[in-house]
Protein backbone atom coordinates (compact mmCIF):
# COMPACT_ATOMS: atom_id res chain seq x y z
CA GLY A 1 18.08 19.76 -3.76
CA ILE A 2 18.39 20.57 0.05
CA LYS A 3 22.15 20.96 1.44
CA PRO A 4 22.55 20.70 5.05
CA VAL A 5 24.54 23.30 6.61
CA SER A 6 24.93 21.46 10.00
CA THR A 7 23.51 18.40 11.98
CA LYS A 8 22.84 18.13 15.68
CA TYR A 9 21.99 15.26 17.84
CA TYR A 10 20.03 15.42 21.04
CA LEU A 11 19.20 12.74 23.81
CA VAL A 12 15.67 13.31 25.20
CA MET A 13 16.08 12.94 29.10
CA GLU A 14 13.44 11.21 31.26
CA ASP A 15 12.19 14.64 32.50
CA GLY A 16 11.76 15.72 29.01
CA SER A 17 14.80 17.94 28.67
CA LEU A 18 17.26 17.76 25.51
CA GLN A 19 20.83 17.22 25.87
CA GLU A 20 22.94 17.84 22.91
CA ILE A 21 25.73 14.84 22.18
CA SER A 22 28.55 15.00 20.10
CA GLU A 23 28.52 12.88 17.11
CA ASP A 24 31.81 11.22 18.26
CA LYS A 25 30.16 9.61 21.05
CA LEU A 26 27.46 7.97 18.68
CA GLU A 27 28.00 4.46 16.80
CA PHE A 28 26.44 4.65 13.24
CA LEU A 29 25.22 1.69 11.41
CA PRO A 30 26.78 1.42 7.82
CA TYR A 31 23.89 1.89 5.22
CA LYS A 32 22.19 -1.08 4.28
CA LYS A 33 20.29 -1.08 0.84
CA SER A 34 16.63 -2.28 1.29
CA ASP A 35 15.66 -5.33 -0.18
CA SER A 36 13.29 -5.30 -3.30
CA THR A 37 9.85 -7.12 -3.04
CA ILE A 38 11.31 -9.60 -5.65
CA ASP A 39 14.40 -10.23 -3.36
CA LYS A 40 11.99 -10.79 -0.31
CA LEU A 41 10.07 -13.29 -2.41
CA ILE A 42 13.39 -15.28 -3.32
CA ALA A 43 14.60 -15.08 0.12
CA ALA A 44 11.24 -16.63 1.28
CA GLY A 45 11.81 -19.41 -0.96
CA ALA A 46 10.22 -18.53 -4.49
CA THR A 47 12.16 -19.79 -7.32
CA GLN A 48 13.64 -17.35 -10.20
CA ALA A 49 10.72 -18.97 -12.25
CA ASP A 50 8.06 -18.00 -9.66
CA VAL A 51 9.13 -14.26 -9.72
CA GLU A 52 9.82 -13.91 -13.36
CA PRO A 53 6.32 -12.63 -14.61
CA LEU A 54 6.68 -10.15 -11.63
CA THR A 55 9.73 -8.76 -13.08
CA LYS A 56 8.10 -7.78 -16.09
CA MET A 57 5.02 -6.34 -14.39
CA LYS A 58 4.62 -2.49 -14.29
CA TYR A 59 3.29 -1.43 -10.98
CA THR A 60 1.01 1.54 -10.58
CA ARG A 61 -0.11 2.31 -7.15
CA PHE A 62 -3.91 3.63 -6.83
CA GLU A 63 -5.99 4.33 -4.09
CA HIS A 64 -8.29 1.23 -3.47
CA SER A 65 -10.45 3.07 -1.27
CA HIS A 66 -11.98 5.07 -4.15
CA ILE A 67 -12.86 2.20 -6.46
CA LEU A 68 -16.37 0.68 -5.91
CA PHE A 69 -15.68 -2.60 -7.60
CA PHE A 70 -13.57 -4.19 -10.05
CA SER A 71 -13.89 -7.13 -12.54
CA SER A 72 -11.67 -9.76 -14.08
CA THR A 73 -11.92 -12.75 -16.24
CA PRO A 74 -9.72 -15.33 -15.05
CA ASP A 75 -8.39 -18.44 -17.29
CA THR A 76 -11.91 -19.87 -16.63
CA GLY A 77 -13.42 -17.31 -18.85
CA ILE A 78 -15.90 -16.41 -16.11
CA PRO A 79 -16.19 -12.81 -15.38
CA THR A 80 -15.83 -12.02 -11.70
CA VAL A 81 -16.87 -8.74 -9.84
CA PHE A 82 -15.55 -7.74 -6.56
CA ILE A 83 -17.23 -4.99 -4.49
CA ASN A 84 -15.31 -3.04 -2.23
CA TYR A 85 -17.25 -2.59 1.05
CA LYS A 86 -14.65 0.08 2.70
CA LEU A 87 -14.92 2.91 0.38
CA SER A 88 -13.59 5.93 1.73
CA ASP A 89 -15.65 8.57 3.38
CA LYS A 90 -14.42 11.18 1.01
CA ILE A 91 -16.83 10.27 -1.46
CA GLY A 92 -19.82 11.15 0.70
CA GLY A 93 -18.17 14.51 1.80
CA ILE A 94 -17.45 15.54 -1.94
CA THR A 95 -20.75 14.19 -3.56
CA ASN A 96 -23.25 13.89 -0.86
CA VAL A 97 -23.96 10.31 -1.76
CA ASN A 98 -24.73 7.56 0.53
CA GLN A 99 -22.17 5.07 0.03
CA GLU A 100 -24.68 2.03 0.99
CA GLU A 101 -26.79 2.92 -1.95
CA ILE A 102 -23.96 3.13 -4.29
CA ILE A 103 -22.72 -0.39 -3.12
CA ASN A 104 -26.40 -1.90 -3.25
CA LEU A 105 -26.71 -0.63 -6.58
CA ALA A 106 -23.42 -2.34 -7.80
CA LYS A 107 -24.47 -5.46 -6.01
CA GLN A 108 -27.77 -5.48 -7.86
CA ARG A 109 -26.37 -4.59 -11.33
CA TYR A 110 -23.52 -7.25 -11.19
CA SER A 111 -25.14 -9.89 -8.88
CA LYS A 112 -24.65 -12.88 -11.30
CA PHE A 113 -20.86 -12.07 -11.51
CA MET A 114 -20.12 -11.32 -7.87
CA GLN A 115 -17.65 -13.76 -6.34
CA GLY A 116 -16.54 -12.02 -3.13
CA GLN A 117 -15.79 -8.77 -1.81
CA ILE A 118 -12.77 -6.87 -0.75
């Protein structure tokens, strides 16, 4: 909801000083809409069939550094657990918990399902 009252442009000189410059001396590039991830995949060679499942996916961003582990069951039907070894240090600052102990506990509890780490 902010409405600009005026705009000014400045050049930073080699000595660090600022010099105001008139807008008519500047060359402005036309606005270019940024490509979506789907557009970028198609431009890189993906087919419409390749990206079709992605168009229906609902994406939610989450903070991966706060997730200790995640589990998935691929088409093989074998559960797989991935442990996050790059936890945020916020967990220690808030709860006073040793991150290594939490990671080791998860590794012990889910060792038969572990396939990798993130």
